[in-house]
């Protein structure tokens, strides 16, 4: 309770401050929500249920002071929980078209995002007419427009999900080429003020089981997308706002196991077309200690030749392929796993090689 004499004294100070132009103490106010704009095509627009699942993951892990923004209405996803459906997804739009026609600036002016989640490029892949370099140039223009709107924009760019629709023989390989190029592109354009974070939505996504048409995700696909978006969004949010519940303390450092530590490598064929196929290998740390690097080796018995790879440094000598980690996926805690992929040619068979060998260091 403020007693009468104290109240008069306080009022006198306030009146004097007003007349003398002194600054008054700022009143405490709740921090404004962080505005997140999902930007994309029909995979983001309708129903785009990865957005609902991502929203729920963020809310249930303490990231509650957020606001999804955008001009498009939600497609409607019924998961039994409420979510913020605002987004900037536009069915049929391409990254090159949005950039060429300067469609992004008005969307930014209306939504005023702090963070953009960009999954664009699928519609640029049809027909194989648009080179990867042209799509990346469109990305660069879009990033410039984001930064012109907000110099501290945080940008999360997806390595887009695979596509393998009927009637597009080049689409699968075109997506792989784009996704392979995105990390280096992002590294060359990121800044401390406006970082670009790459979200790997490609790894582990299977067009045969996770889409209904080789392009658009089904429920299983949306769940995989949300799970892949979440770590990147969390990383960015941790640099903007702390979660409402404390994050666990970092694990103490451990001594890496010696070379030859226990790990397993599992090989599988994702899809095949023409004279090529897409393979994937999952490397798992089975040792009780963290690892800082891994190597796996497998031998093709039927003349398969690797043409390109991602999430690994892969070399082939005759029939033997040797894959090593890259800078960002060599660290594997005990029980953790990582996945790399490749495109290879084949001669009438994609028979899996014997169980790949695997070592840790």
Protein backbone atom coordinates (compact mmCIF):
# COMPACT_ATOMS: atom_id res chain seq x y z
CA UNK A 1 0.00 0.00 0.00
CA UNK A 2 1.28 3.54 -0.82
CA UNK A 3 0.53 5.91 2.10
CA UNK A 4 -0.81 9.42 1.44
CA UNK A 5 2.45 11.32 1.98
CA UNK A 6 4.35 8.90 -0.21
CA UNK A 7 1.71 9.14 -2.94
CA UNK A 8 1.92 12.96 -2.99
CA UNK A 9 5.71 12.76 -3.24
CA UNK A 10 5.49 10.29 -6.14
CA UNK A 11 2.98 12.48 -7.98
CA UNK A 12 5.21 15.51 -7.48
CA UNK A 13 8.15 13.67 -9.04
CA UNK A 14 6.06 12.56 -12.03
CA UNK A 15 4.69 16.06 -12.63
CA UNK A 16 8.19 17.53 -12.44
CA UNK A 17 9.46 14.90 -14.87
CA UNK A 18 6.75 15.81 -17.37
CA UNK A 19 7.50 19.54 -17.20
CA UNK A 20 11.27 19.07 -17.33
CA UNK A 21 11.12 16.57 -20.19
CA UNK A 22 12.76 13.81 -18.16
CA UNK A 23 12.35 10.26 -19.39
CA UNK A 24 9.99 8.12 -17.37
CA UNK A 25 10.85 4.50 -16.55
CA UNK A 26 9.55 2.15 -19.23
CA UNK A 27 6.60 0.03 -18.24
CA UNK A 28 7.23 -3.70 -18.50
CA UNK A 29 5.46 -5.36 -21.38
CA UNK A 30 5.29 -8.84 -22.79
CA UNK A 31 7.71 -9.47 -25.65
CA UNK A 32 6.09 -9.41 -29.06
CA UNK A 33 5.68 -12.86 -30.62
CA UNK A 34 8.31 -13.95 -33.12
CA UNK A 35 6.66 -13.86 -36.54
CA UNK A 36 7.38 -16.92 -38.71
CA UNK A 37 6.35 -17.02 -42.38
CA UNK A 38 6.17 -20.41 -44.14
CA UNK A 39 6.95 -19.64 -47.80
CA UNK A 40 6.40 -22.13 -50.59
CA UNK A 41 4.14 -23.72 -53.17
CA UNK A 42 1.29 -26.24 -52.80
CA UNK A 43 3.42 -28.40 -50.48
CA UNK A 44 3.23 -25.47 -48.04
CA UNK A 45 -0.23 -24.17 -48.97
CA UNK A 46 -3.03 -26.69 -48.88
CA UNK A 47 -3.30 -28.68 -46.84
CA UNK A 48 0.38 -28.24 -45.92
CA UNK A 49 -0.16 -30.13 -42.70
CA UNK A 50 3.54 -30.10 -41.83
CA UNK A 51 2.84 -26.58 -40.61
CA UNK A 52 0.24 -27.77 -38.11
CA UNK A 53 2.51 -30.53 -36.85
CA UNK A 54 5.49 -28.17 -36.58
CA UNK A 55 3.40 -25.59 -34.73
CA UNK A 56 2.33 -28.26 -32.24
CA UNK A 57 5.90 -29.50 -31.75
CA UNK A 58 7.08 -25.99 -31.02
CA UNK A 59 4.25 -25.25 -28.62
CA UNK A 60 4.66 -28.48 -26.66
CA UNK A 61 8.43 -27.97 -26.29
CA UNK A 62 8.17 -24.47 -24.84
CA UNK A 63 8.25 -22.22 -27.92
CA UNK A 64 4.91 -20.55 -27.28
CA UNK A 65 5.64 -16.91 -28.08
CA UNK A 66 5.46 -17.35 -31.85
CA UNK A 67 3.05 -16.29 -34.58
CA UNK A 68 2.81 -17.97 -37.98
CA UNK A 69 2.09 -15.27 -40.57
CA UNK A 70 1.11 -15.02 -44.24
CA UNK A 71 -1.77 -14.08 -46.50
CA UNK A 72 -2.97 -17.55 -47.49
CA UNK A 73 -5.76 -19.30 -45.61
CA UNK A 74 -5.04 -22.66 -44.04
CA UNK A 75 -5.95 -25.86 -45.90
CA UNK A 76 -7.43 -27.44 -42.78
CA UNK A 77 -5.68 -30.25 -40.89
CA UNK A 78 -7.58 -32.22 -38.27
CA UNK A 79 -5.13 -33.56 -35.70
CA UNK A 80 -7.22 -32.83 -32.64
CA UNK A 81 -5.31 -29.71 -31.62
CA UNK A 82 -5.58 -26.07 -32.56
CA UNK A 83 -2.78 -24.39 -34.48
CA UNK A 84 -1.88 -21.17 -36.28
CA UNK A 85 -2.56 -21.81 -39.97
CA UNK A 86 -1.29 -18.56 -41.53
CA UNK A 87 1.21 -19.13 -44.34
CA UNK A 88 2.54 -17.78 -47.63
CA UNK A 89 2.13 -20.94 -49.69
CA UNK A 90 0.92 -20.59 -53.28
CA UNK A 91 0.05 -23.66 -55.32
CA UNK A 92 1.87 -23.93 -58.64
CA UNK A 93 4.35 -21.13 -57.90
CA UNK A 94 8.05 -21.55 -58.70
CA UNK A 95 11.07 -19.91 -57.06
CA UNK A 96 12.09 -18.43 -60.41
CA UNK A 97 8.61 -17.07 -61.07
CA UNK A 98 8.29 -15.44 -57.65
CA UNK A 99 11.70 -13.83 -58.10
CA UNK A 100 11.21 -12.72 -61.71
CA UNK A 101 7.82 -11.15 -60.97
CA UNK A 102 8.86 -9.57 -57.65
CA UNK A 103 5.95 -11.19 -55.85
CA UNK A 104 7.72 -11.54 -52.51
CA UNK A 105 8.06 -7.89 -51.35
CA UNK A 106 4.28 -7.27 -50.97
CA UNK A 107 3.94 -10.52 -49.01
CA UNK A 108 6.76 -9.44 -46.71
CA UNK A 109 5.25 -5.98 -46.23
CA UNK A 110 1.95 -7.52 -45.20
CA UNK A 111 3.26 -10.34 -43.00
CA UNK A 112 6.30 -8.58 -41.46
CA UNK A 113 8.12 -11.82 -40.59
CA UNK A 114 11.16 -12.19 -38.37
CA UNK A 115 11.87 -15.69 -39.72
CA UNK A 116 11.10 -17.18 -43.13
CA UNK A 117 10.82 -20.96 -43.73
CA UNK A 118 11.36 -21.43 -47.47
CA UNK A 119 10.52 -24.67 -49.29
CA UNK A 120 10.64 -23.66 -52.94
CA UNK A 121 11.89 -25.24 -56.15
CA UNK A 122 9.56 -28.15 -56.81
CA UNK A 123 7.72 -26.38 -59.62
CA UNK A 124 11.03 -25.28 -61.14
CA UNK A 125 11.98 -28.93 -61.69
CA UNK A 126 9.34 -29.93 -64.25
CA UNK A 127 10.73 -30.68 -67.69
CA UNK A 128 14.37 -30.25 -66.68
CA UNK A 129 14.53 -26.90 -68.47
CA UNK A 130 15.62 -24.66 -65.57
CA UNK A 131 19.26 -25.15 -64.53
CA UNK A 132 20.18 -25.45 -60.87
CA UNK A 133 22.19 -22.23 -61.16
CA UNK A 134 19.08 -20.33 -62.27
CA UNK A 135 17.07 -21.60 -59.30
CA UNK A 136 19.87 -20.60 -56.93
CA UNK A 137 20.00 -17.16 -58.53
CA UNK A 138 16.27 -16.84 -57.78
CA UNK A 139 16.93 -17.90 -54.18
CA UNK A 140 19.61 -15.20 -53.95
CA UNK A 141 17.22 -12.52 -55.20
CA UNK A 142 14.56 -13.63 -52.71
CA UNK A 143 17.07 -13.49 -49.85
CA UNK A 144 18.03 -9.96 -50.94
CA UNK A 145 14.38 -8.93 -50.86
CA UNK A 146 13.95 -10.45 -47.40
CA UNK A 147 16.95 -8.51 -46.11
CA UNK A 148 15.78 -5.30 -47.76
CA UNK A 149 12.56 -5.67 -45.80
CA UNK A 150 14.29 -6.70 -42.56
CA UNK A 151 18.10 -6.54 -42.32
CA UNK A 152 18.06 -9.03 -39.44
CA UNK A 153 15.82 -11.58 -41.17
CA UNK A 154 16.50 -15.17 -40.12
CA UNK A 155 16.10 -17.48 -43.12
CA UNK A 156 15.65 -21.26 -43.05
CA UNK A 157 15.96 -22.80 -46.51
CA UNK A 158 14.88 -26.39 -47.13
CA UNK A 159 16.70 -28.97 -49.14
CA UNK A 160 13.33 -29.79 -50.71
CA UNK A 161 11.64 -33.15 -50.49
CA UNK A 162 12.28 -35.56 -53.39
CA UNK A 163 9.87 -35.85 -56.28
CA UNK A 164 9.36 -38.66 -58.77
CA UNK A 165 6.08 -38.08 -60.62
CA UNK A 166 5.03 -40.05 -63.65
CA UNK A 167 5.78 -38.18 -66.83
CA UNK A 168 8.86 -36.37 -65.48
CA UNK A 169 11.92 -38.51 -66.03
CA UNK A 170 14.31 -35.72 -65.02
CA UNK A 171 12.59 -34.53 -61.84
CA UNK A 172 14.21 -36.91 -59.35
CA UNK A 173 17.75 -36.14 -60.42
CA UNK A 174 17.03 -32.41 -60.74
CA UNK A 175 15.92 -32.23 -57.12
CA UNK A 176 19.05 -34.06 -56.04
CA UNK A 177 21.23 -31.60 -57.97
CA UNK A 178 19.46 -28.63 -56.38
CA UNK A 179 19.61 -30.06 -52.87
CA UNK A 180 23.29 -30.87 -53.25
CA UNK A 181 24.01 -27.27 -54.21
CA UNK A 182 22.02 -25.58 -51.43
CA UNK A 183 24.49 -25.95 -48.50
CA UNK A 184 27.37 -24.29 -50.38
CA UNK A 185 25.04 -21.59 -51.70
CA UNK A 186 23.76 -20.87 -48.18
CA UNK A 187 27.27 -20.82 -46.72
CA UNK A 188 28.32 -18.23 -49.27
CA UNK A 189 25.39 -15.94 -48.53
CA UNK A 190 24.84 -16.27 -44.77
CA UNK A 191 25.76 -13.41 -42.43
CA UNK A 192 25.92 -13.01 -38.67
CA UNK A 193 23.11 -10.45 -38.82
CA UNK A 194 20.92 -12.45 -41.19
CA UNK A 195 21.89 -16.12 -41.02
CA UNK A 196 20.73 -18.73 -43.52
CA UNK A 197 20.13 -22.12 -41.94
CA UNK A 198 19.68 -25.20 -44.15
CA UNK A 199 16.97 -27.70 -43.19
CA UNK A 200 17.44 -31.18 -44.69
CA UNK A 201 13.94 -32.27 -45.67
CA UNK A 202 15.22 -34.66 -48.34
CA UNK A 203 16.91 -37.31 -46.20
CA UNK A 204 14.63 -40.15 -45.18
CA UNK A 205 11.72 -39.01 -47.38
CA UNK A 206 10.41 -41.71 -49.72
CA UNK A 207 8.20 -40.64 -52.62
CA UNK A 208 6.69 -44.14 -52.85
CA UNK A 209 5.39 -44.17 -49.27
CA UNK A 210 5.35 -40.50 -48.24
CA UNK A 211 3.43 -38.98 -51.17
CA UNK A 212 0.24 -39.78 -53.01
CA UNK A 213 1.48 -38.77 -56.46
CA UNK A 214 5.25 -38.67 -56.29
CA UNK A 215 5.16 -34.96 -55.36
CA UNK A 216 2.64 -33.98 -52.68
CA UNK A 217 3.11 -35.42 -49.18
CA UNK A 218 0.56 -37.65 -47.51
CA UNK A 219 0.19 -37.71 -43.74
CA UNK A 220 3.36 -39.76 -43.29
CA UNK A 221 5.22 -37.28 -45.46
CA UNK A 222 3.91 -34.27 -43.56
CA UNK A 223 5.04 -35.84 -40.29
CA UNK A 224 8.53 -36.39 -41.69
CA UNK A 225 8.65 -32.80 -42.92
CA UNK A 226 7.67 -31.41 -39.52
CA UNK A 227 10.27 -33.58 -37.79
CA UNK A 228 12.95 -32.33 -40.21
CA UNK A 229 11.95 -28.66 -39.92
CA UNK A 230 11.87 -28.67 -36.13
CA UNK A 231 15.64 -28.83 -35.29
CA UNK A 232 16.45 -25.94 -37.64
CA UNK A 233 13.56 -23.79 -36.39
CA UNK A 234 14.53 -24.56 -32.78
CA UNK A 235 18.13 -23.56 -33.52
CA UNK A 236 17.03 -20.21 -34.90
CA UNK A 237 14.50 -19.56 -32.14
CA UNK A 238 17.10 -20.34 -29.48
CA UNK A 239 19.06 -17.41 -30.87
CA UNK A 240 16.02 -15.12 -30.83
CA UNK A 241 13.98 -16.08 -27.77
CA UNK A 242 14.64 -18.60 -25.02
CA UNK A 243 12.08 -21.37 -24.57
CA UNK A 244 9.65 -20.90 -21.69
CA UNK A 245 11.00 -24.05 -20.07
CA UNK A 246 14.77 -24.35 -19.58
CA UNK A 247 16.71 -26.35 -22.12
CA UNK A 248 18.68 -29.30 -20.78
CA UNK A 249 22.30 -28.60 -19.94
CA UNK A 250 24.81 -29.69 -22.56
CA UNK A 251 26.17 -33.17 -22.07
CA UNK A 252 29.73 -33.29 -20.78
CA UNK A 253 32.34 -33.86 -23.42
CA UNK A 254 33.55 -37.41 -23.83
CA UNK A 255 36.62 -38.91 -25.36
CA UNK A 256 35.88 -40.27 -28.84
CA UNK A 257 36.27 -44.03 -29.20
CA UNK A 258 39.27 -45.33 -31.08
CA UNK A 259 39.07 -46.05 -34.80
CA UNK A 260 36.99 -49.13 -35.40
CA UNK A 261 34.36 -48.22 -32.78
CA UNK A 262 31.12 -50.12 -33.12
CA UNK A 263 28.76 -48.87 -35.80
CA UNK A 264 26.44 -50.30 -38.41
CA UNK A 265 25.69 -49.14 -41.93
CA UNK A 266 22.38 -50.05 -43.58
CA UNK A 267 22.05 -49.82 -47.35
CA UNK A 268 18.84 -49.50 -49.34
CA UNK A 269 17.62 -48.50 -52.80
CA UNK A 270 15.13 -45.61 -52.70
CA UNK A 271 14.05 -45.52 -56.36
CA UNK A 272 15.23 -46.34 -59.87
CA UNK A 273 14.58 -45.02 -63.36
CA UNK A 274 16.10 -45.38 -66.82
CA UNK A 275 19.67 -46.53 -66.27
CA UNK A 276 20.07 -44.94 -62.84
CA UNK A 277 19.01 -45.46 -59.25
CA UNK A 278 19.04 -43.62 -55.95
CA UNK A 279 20.65 -45.29 -52.95
CA UNK A 280 20.76 -44.42 -49.27
CA UNK A 281 22.97 -45.56 -46.40
CA UNK A 282 22.22 -45.00 -42.71
CA UNK A 283 25.20 -44.97 -40.35
CA UNK A 284 24.48 -45.64 -36.66
CA UNK A 285 26.84 -45.27 -33.71
CA UNK A 286 26.41 -48.47 -31.69
CA UNK A 287 29.25 -47.69 -29.27
CA UNK A 288 28.69 -46.27 -25.76
CA UNK A 289 30.68 -43.13 -26.58
CA UNK A 290 30.32 -40.22 -28.98
CA UNK A 291 32.16 -40.33 -32.29
CA UNK A 292 33.70 -37.43 -34.20
CA UNK A 293 33.95 -39.10 -37.61
CA UNK A 294 32.77 -42.16 -39.53
CA UNK A 295 33.67 -44.14 -42.64
CA UNK A 296 31.71 -46.83 -44.42
CA UNK A 297 32.72 -49.03 -47.35
CA UNK A 298 30.64 -51.18 -49.67
CA UNK A 299 31.37 -53.13 -52.84
CA UNK A 300 29.14 -53.29 -55.90
CA UNK A 301 28.98 -56.68 -57.57
CA UNK A 302 27.15 -55.72 -60.77
CA UNK A 303 29.07 -52.79 -62.23
CA UNK A 304 27.14 -49.96 -60.54
CA UNK A 305 28.93 -46.60 -60.72
CA UNK A 306 28.27 -43.69 -58.35
CA UNK A 307 27.75 -40.39 -60.20
CA UNK A 308 26.90 -37.98 -57.39
CA UNK A 309 26.37 -38.03 -53.63
CA UNK A 310 25.23 -35.81 -50.75
CA UNK A 311 25.83 -35.62 -47.00
CA UNK A 312 29.11 -37.48 -47.56
CA UNK A 313 32.45 -37.43 -49.33
CA UNK A 314 32.17 -40.54 -51.49
CA UNK A 315 34.82 -42.03 -53.74
CA UNK A 316 34.73 -45.21 -55.83
CA UNK A 317 37.72 -47.32 -56.84
CA UNK A 318 36.66 -50.06 -59.25
CA UNK A 319 33.78 -51.81 -57.47
CA UNK A 320 34.53 -50.45 -53.97
CA UNK A 321 32.82 -47.26 -52.74
CA UNK A 322 34.13 -45.47 -49.64
CA UNK A 323 31.97 -42.86 -47.94
CA UNK A 324 33.19 -40.51 -45.21
CA UNK A 325 31.36 -37.92 -43.18
CA UNK A 326 31.35 -34.24 -44.11
CA UNK A 327 31.96 -31.43 -41.62
CA UNK A 328 28.40 -31.16 -40.34
CA UNK A 329 27.48 -34.83 -39.77
CA UNK A 330 30.64 -36.47 -38.43
CA UNK A 331 29.72 -35.97 -34.78
CA UNK A 332 27.48 -38.86 -33.68
CA UNK A 333 26.45 -39.26 -30.03
CA UNK A 334 26.08 -42.79 -28.74
CA UNK A 335 23.03 -44.38 -30.38
CA UNK A 336 22.65 -41.59 -32.94
CA UNK A 337 22.52 -42.06 -36.69
CA UNK A 338 22.93 -40.07 -39.88
CA UNK A 339 22.04 -40.75 -43.50
CA UNK A 340 23.74 -40.07 -46.82
CA UNK A 341 22.58 -40.69 -50.36
CA UNK A 342 23.83 -41.05 -53.89
CA UNK A 343 22.81 -41.46 -57.51
CA UNK A 344 24.44 -44.30 -59.46
CA UNK A 345 24.14 -45.93 -62.86
CA UNK A 346 23.26 -49.60 -63.12
CA UNK A 347 23.28 -52.39 -65.67
CA UNK A 348 19.99 -54.27 -65.39
CA UNK A 349 20.27 -54.71 -61.64
CA UNK A 350 20.47 -52.62 -58.48
CA UNK A 351 21.16 -55.62 -56.24
CA UNK A 352 22.28 -54.35 -52.86
CA UNK A 353 25.92 -55.01 -52.01
CA UNK A 354 26.89 -57.12 -48.99
CA UNK A 355 26.46 -55.44 -45.62
CA UNK A 356 28.66 -52.30 -45.72
CA UNK A 357 31.54 -52.09 -43.26
CA UNK A 358 31.56 -49.17 -40.83
CA UNK A 359 34.18 -47.61 -38.56
CA UNK A 360 34.14 -44.67 -36.13
CA UNK A 361 36.89 -42.37 -34.94
